Amino acid sequence: MGMMGKLKETQRKIEETKLRLDSVLIDEQSTDGTLKVTFTANGKLKSIDIDDSLLEDKDQLEDYLIVTLNKAIEKAARVNQAELDAVAKVDMPMIPGMDKMFK
């Protein structure tokens, strides 16, 4: 297969991987478990579960949301990048600048 064929095949696999990552779920929770969030590996928020005890303390809830959401977003980004990198590295020879093409 020529270079253009490999490039098109890799792009197709990347698109398939992106679709699959919509079904990969990333769970994160606060240290005490009173706040739980779920994201897809593509970074879409799927659910938030807030324990009733947090509803009484707005400041604590806000702090927990910031920390927990940021941790989940970072995890989702790492999974997403690892999966896309794996597809690109398996199918394509190392060409300078190619890594930027798939981000």
N, C-alpha and C. Protein backbone atom coordinates (compact mmCIF):
# COMPACT_ATOMS: atom_id res chain seq x y z
N MET A 1 0.86 -1.18 0.00
CA MET A 1 0.00 0.00 0.00
C MET A 1 0.90 1.23 0.00
N GLY A 2 0.57 2.18 -0.85
CA GLY A 2 1.36 3.40 -0.94
C GLY A 2 1.16 4.30 0.26
N MET A 3 1.96 5.34 0.32
CA MET A 3 1.90 6.29 1.44
C MET A 3 0.52 6.93 1.58
N MET A 4 -0.08 7.33 0.46
CA MET A 4 -1.40 7.96 0.54
C MET A 4 -2.44 6.95 1.02
N GLY A 5 -2.32 5.71 0.59
CA GLY A 5 -3.24 4.68 1.05
C GLY A 5 -3.10 4.44 2.53
N LYS A 6 -1.85 4.41 3.02
CA LYS A 6 -1.62 4.23 4.46
C LYS A 6 -2.18 5.41 5.24
N LEU A 7 -1.99 6.59 4.71
CA LEU A 7 -2.49 7.79 5.38
C LEU A 7 -4.01 7.75 5.49
N LYS A 8 -4.68 7.39 4.41
CA LYS A 8 -6.14 7.31 4.43
C LYS A 8 -6.63 6.22 5.38
N GLU A 9 -5.93 5.09 5.39
CA GLU A 9 -6.30 3.99 6.28
C GLU A 9 -6.11 4.39 7.75
N THR A 10 -5.01 5.08 8.03
CA THR A 10 -4.77 5.55 9.39
C THR A 10 -5.83 6.56 9.81
N GLN A 11 -6.18 7.47 8.92
CA GLN A 11 -7.22 8.46 9.23
C GLN A 11 -8.55 7.78 9.52
N ARG A 12 -8.87 6.73 8.76
CA ARG A 12 -10.10 5.98 8.98
C ARG A 12 -10.07 5.32 10.36
N LYS A 13 -8.93 4.72 10.70
CA LYS A 13 -8.81 4.07 12.01
C LYS A 13 -8.89 5.08 13.14
N ILE A 14 -8.33 6.26 12.93
CA ILE A 14 -8.41 7.30 13.95
C ILE A 14 -9.87 7.71 14.17
N GLU A 15 -10.61 7.88 13.10
CA GLU A 15 -12.03 8.24 13.22
C GLU A 15 -12.81 7.15 13.93
N GLU A 16 -12.52 5.89 13.63
CA GLU A 16 -13.18 4.76 14.31
C GLU A 16 -12.83 4.77 15.80
N THR A 17 -11.57 5.06 16.10
CA THR A 17 -11.14 5.10 17.50
C THR A 17 -11.86 6.23 18.24
N LYS A 18 -11.99 7.38 17.61
CA LYS A 18 -12.70 8.50 18.24
C LYS A 18 -14.14 8.12 18.56
N LEU A 19 -14.80 7.43 17.64
CA LEU A 19 -16.17 6.98 17.89
C LEU A 19 -16.22 5.98 19.04
N ARG A 20 -15.26 5.05 19.05
CA ARG A 20 -15.22 4.05 20.13
C ARG A 20 -14.99 4.72 21.48
N LEU A 21 -14.18 5.77 21.51
CA LEU A 21 -13.87 6.44 22.76
C LEU A 21 -15.09 7.13 23.37
N ASP A 22 -16.14 7.33 22.58
CA ASP A 22 -17.39 7.86 23.14
C ASP A 22 -18.04 6.86 24.09
N SER A 23 -17.66 5.59 23.98
CA SER A 23 -18.26 4.57 24.86
C SER A 23 -17.31 4.15 25.99
N VAL A 24 -16.09 4.69 26.00
CA VAL A 24 -15.15 4.41 27.08
C VAL A 24 -15.41 5.41 28.20
N LEU A 25 -15.79 4.90 29.38
CA LEU A 25 -16.17 5.79 30.48
C LEU A 25 -15.03 5.94 31.48
N ILE A 26 -14.86 7.16 31.95
CA ILE A 26 -13.86 7.52 32.94
C ILE A 26 -14.60 8.00 34.18
N ASP A 27 -14.43 7.28 35.28
CA ASP A 27 -15.08 7.65 36.54
C ASP A 27 -14.07 8.32 37.46
N GLU A 28 -14.52 9.32 38.17
CA GLU A 28 -13.69 9.99 39.16
C GLU A 28 -14.59 10.39 40.32
N GLN A 29 -14.01 10.45 41.51
CA GLN A 29 -14.80 10.86 42.67
C GLN A 29 -13.95 11.67 43.64
N SER A 30 -14.63 12.41 44.50
CA SER A 30 -13.94 13.17 45.53
C SER A 30 -13.30 12.19 46.51
N THR A 31 -12.39 12.68 47.32
CA THR A 31 -11.67 11.80 48.23
C THR A 31 -12.59 11.06 49.20
N ASP A 32 -13.70 11.69 49.58
CA ASP A 32 -14.62 11.03 50.51
C ASP A 32 -15.80 10.35 49.80
N GLY A 33 -15.80 10.39 48.49
CA GLY A 33 -16.83 9.69 47.72
C GLY A 33 -18.18 10.37 47.65
N THR A 34 -18.28 11.61 48.12
CA THR A 34 -19.58 12.29 48.12
C THR A 34 -19.91 12.94 46.78
N LEU A 35 -18.93 13.03 45.89
CA LEU A 35 -19.15 13.57 44.56
C LEU A 35 -18.52 12.61 43.55
N LYS A 36 -19.32 12.19 42.57
CA LYS A 36 -18.82 11.28 41.54
C LYS A 36 -19.20 11.84 40.17
N VAL A 37 -18.25 11.75 39.24
CA VAL A 37 -18.50 12.20 37.88
C VAL A 37 -18.05 11.11 36.91
N THR A 38 -18.70 11.10 35.74
CA THR A 38 -18.33 10.18 34.68
C THR A 38 -18.22 10.96 33.38
N PHE A 39 -17.10 10.76 32.70
CA PHE A 39 -16.84 11.36 31.39
C PHE A 39 -16.60 10.25 30.39
N THR A 40 -16.76 10.56 29.11
CA THR A 40 -16.27 9.65 28.08
C THR A 40 -14.80 9.97 27.87
N ALA A 41 -14.09 9.06 27.22
CA ALA A 41 -12.68 9.31 26.92
C ALA A 41 -12.52 10.44 25.92
N ASN A 42 -13.61 10.86 25.29
CA ASN A 42 -13.58 12.03 24.41
C ASN A 42 -13.89 13.32 25.16
N GLY A 43 -14.01 13.22 26.49
CA GLY A 43 -14.17 14.42 27.30
C GLY A 43 -15.58 14.94 27.46
N LYS A 44 -16.58 14.11 27.15
CA LYS A 44 -17.97 14.53 27.32
C LYS A 44 -18.47 14.08 28.69
N LEU A 45 -19.05 15.02 29.43
CA LEU A 45 -19.60 14.72 30.74
C LEU A 45 -20.85 13.87 30.58
N LYS A 46 -20.88 12.71 31.26
CA LYS A 46 -22.03 11.81 31.15
C LYS A 46 -22.91 11.87 32.40
N SER A 47 -22.30 12.01 33.58
CA SER A 47 -23.12 12.05 34.79
C SER A 47 -22.37 12.71 35.94
N ILE A 48 -23.18 13.24 36.85
CA ILE A 48 -22.69 13.80 38.11
C ILE A 48 -23.60 13.27 39.21
N ASP A 49 -22.98 12.72 40.25
CA ASP A 49 -23.73 12.21 41.40
C ASP A 49 -23.25 12.96 42.63
N ILE A 50 -24.15 13.73 43.24
CA ILE A 50 -23.81 14.56 44.40
C ILE A 50 -24.57 14.04 45.61
N ASP A 51 -23.83 13.68 46.65
CA ASP A 51 -24.43 13.24 47.91
C ASP A 51 -25.18 14.42 48.53
N ASP A 52 -26.32 14.14 49.13
CA ASP A 52 -27.13 15.20 49.72
C ASP A 52 -26.37 16.05 50.74
N SER A 53 -25.40 15.46 51.43
CA SER A 53 -24.65 16.20 52.45
C SER A 53 -23.88 17.38 51.84
N LEU A 54 -23.49 17.27 50.58
CA LEU A 54 -22.77 18.37 49.94
C LEU A 54 -23.68 19.54 49.58
N LEU A 55 -24.96 19.29 49.50
CA LEU A 55 -25.89 20.36 49.13
C LEU A 55 -26.03 21.40 50.24
N GLU A 56 -25.58 21.07 51.42
CA GLU A 56 -25.66 21.99 52.55
C GLU A 56 -24.45 22.91 52.63
N ASP A 57 -23.39 22.63 51.88
CA ASP A 57 -22.17 23.43 51.95
C ASP A 57 -21.74 23.81 50.53
N LYS A 58 -22.23 24.96 50.08
CA LYS A 58 -21.98 25.41 48.71
C LYS A 58 -20.49 25.52 48.39
N ASP A 59 -19.70 26.08 49.30
CA ASP A 59 -18.26 26.24 49.06
C ASP A 59 -17.57 24.89 48.89
N GLN A 60 -17.90 23.94 49.73
CA GLN A 60 -17.30 22.62 49.63
C GLN A 60 -17.71 21.94 48.32
N LEU A 61 -18.97 22.07 47.96
CA LEU A 61 -19.46 21.48 46.71
C LEU A 61 -18.70 22.08 45.51
N GLU A 62 -18.56 23.39 45.51
CA GLU A 62 -17.83 24.04 44.41
C GLU A 62 -16.38 23.56 44.34
N ASP A 63 -15.72 23.47 45.51
CA ASP A 63 -14.34 22.99 45.54
C ASP A 63 -14.25 21.56 45.02
N TYR A 64 -15.15 20.70 45.48
CA TYR A 64 -15.15 19.31 45.04
C TYR A 64 -15.41 19.21 43.55
N LEU A 65 -16.31 20.01 43.04
CA LEU A 65 -16.60 19.98 41.61
C LEU A 65 -15.36 20.36 40.79
N ILE A 66 -14.69 21.41 41.19
CA ILE A 66 -13.51 21.86 40.46
C ILE A 66 -12.43 20.77 40.46
N VAL A 67 -12.10 20.25 41.62
CA VAL A 67 -11.03 19.26 41.73
C VAL A 67 -11.40 17.97 41.00
N THR A 68 -12.60 17.49 41.25
CA THR A 68 -13.01 16.19 40.69
C THR A 68 -13.20 16.28 39.18
N LEU A 69 -13.82 17.34 38.69
CA LEU A 69 -13.99 17.50 37.25
C LEU A 69 -12.63 17.63 36.55
N ASN A 70 -11.72 18.40 37.12
CA ASN A 70 -10.40 18.55 36.51
C ASN A 70 -9.65 17.23 36.45
N LYS A 71 -9.73 16.44 37.53
CA LYS A 71 -9.07 15.13 37.52
C LYS A 71 -9.67 14.22 36.45
N ALA A 72 -10.98 14.23 36.32
CA ALA A 72 -11.64 13.39 35.31
C ALA A 72 -11.29 13.84 33.90
N ILE A 73 -11.26 15.14 33.69
CA ILE A 73 -10.91 15.66 32.36
C ILE A 73 -9.48 15.27 32.00
N GLU A 74 -8.57 15.37 32.95
CA GLU A 74 -7.18 14.99 32.70
C GLU A 74 -7.06 13.50 32.38
N LYS A 75 -7.76 12.66 33.13
CA LYS A 75 -7.75 11.22 32.87
C LYS A 75 -8.29 10.92 31.48
N ALA A 76 -9.41 11.54 31.14
CA ALA A 76 -10.02 11.31 29.82
C ALA A 76 -9.07 11.74 28.71
N ALA A 77 -8.40 12.87 28.89
CA ALA A 77 -7.45 13.35 27.88
C ALA A 77 -6.28 12.38 27.71
N ARG A 78 -5.79 11.82 28.82
CA ARG A 78 -4.68 10.87 28.74
C ARG A 78 -5.10 9.59 28.00
N VAL A 79 -6.28 9.08 28.33
CA VAL A 79 -6.77 7.87 27.65
C VAL A 79 -6.96 8.15 26.17
N ASN A 80 -7.59 9.28 25.87
CA ASN A 80 -7.85 9.65 24.48
C ASN A 80 -6.54 9.74 23.71
N GLN A 81 -5.57 10.45 24.24
CA GLN A 81 -4.30 10.64 23.54
C GLN A 81 -3.56 9.32 23.37
N ALA A 82 -3.56 8.48 24.40
CA ALA A 82 -2.88 7.18 24.30
C ALA A 82 -3.50 6.31 23.21
N GLU A 83 -4.80 6.30 23.14
CA GLU A 83 -5.49 5.49 22.13
C GLU A 83 -5.22 6.00 20.72
N LEU A 84 -5.29 7.30 20.53
CA LEU A 84 -5.05 7.87 19.20
C LEU A 84 -3.58 7.73 18.80
N ASP A 85 -2.68 7.91 19.75
CA ASP A 85 -1.25 7.72 19.46
C ASP A 85 -0.97 6.29 19.04
N ALA A 86 -1.60 5.34 19.72
CA ALA A 86 -1.38 3.93 19.40
C ALA A 86 -1.80 3.62 17.97
N VAL A 87 -2.92 4.15 17.55
CA VAL A 87 -3.39 3.92 16.18
C VAL A 87 -2.43 4.54 15.18
N ALA A 88 -2.02 5.77 15.42
CA ALA A 88 -1.14 6.47 14.48
C ALA A 88 0.24 5.81 14.40
N LYS A 89 0.78 5.38 15.53
CA LYS A 89 2.12 4.80 15.53
C LYS A 89 2.16 3.43 14.88
N VAL A 90 1.11 2.65 15.03
CA VAL A 90 1.08 1.31 14.46
C VAL A 90 1.03 1.37 12.94
N ASP A 91 0.27 2.29 12.42
CA ASP A 91 -0.01 2.29 10.99
C ASP A 91 0.85 3.23 10.15
N MET A 92 1.56 4.12 10.78
CA MET A 92 2.28 5.11 9.98
C MET A 92 3.77 5.10 10.31
N PRO A 93 4.61 5.27 9.30
CA PRO A 93 6.04 5.45 9.56
C PRO A 93 6.25 6.82 10.20
N MET A 94 7.34 6.97 10.90
CA MET A 94 7.62 8.26 11.54
C MET A 94 8.03 9.28 10.48
N ILE A 95 7.18 10.26 10.29
CA ILE A 95 7.43 11.34 9.34
C ILE A 95 7.43 12.63 10.14
N PRO A 96 8.46 13.46 10.02
CA PRO A 96 8.51 14.69 10.81
C PRO A 96 7.24 15.51 10.64
N GLY A 97 6.67 15.94 11.77
CA GLY A 97 5.47 16.76 11.75
C GLY A 97 4.18 15.98 11.70
N MET A 98 4.23 14.67 11.46
CA MET A 98 3.02 13.86 11.34
C MET A 98 2.26 13.77 12.65
N ASP A 99 2.99 13.79 13.78
CA ASP A 99 2.32 13.69 15.07
C ASP A 99 1.36 14.85 15.29
N LYS A 100 1.63 16.01 14.74
CA LYS A 100 0.75 17.17 14.91
C LYS A 100 -0.51 17.04 14.06
N MET A 101 -0.46 16.25 13.03
CA MET A 101 -1.58 16.08 12.13
C MET A 101 -2.77 15.41 12.80
N PHE A 102 -2.51 14.54 13.77
CA PHE A 102 -3.57 13.73 14.36
C PHE A 102 -4.07 14.28 15.69
N LYS A 103 -3.68 15.47 16.06
CA LYS A 103 -4.12 16.03 17.34
C LYS A 103 -5.22 17.02 17.14
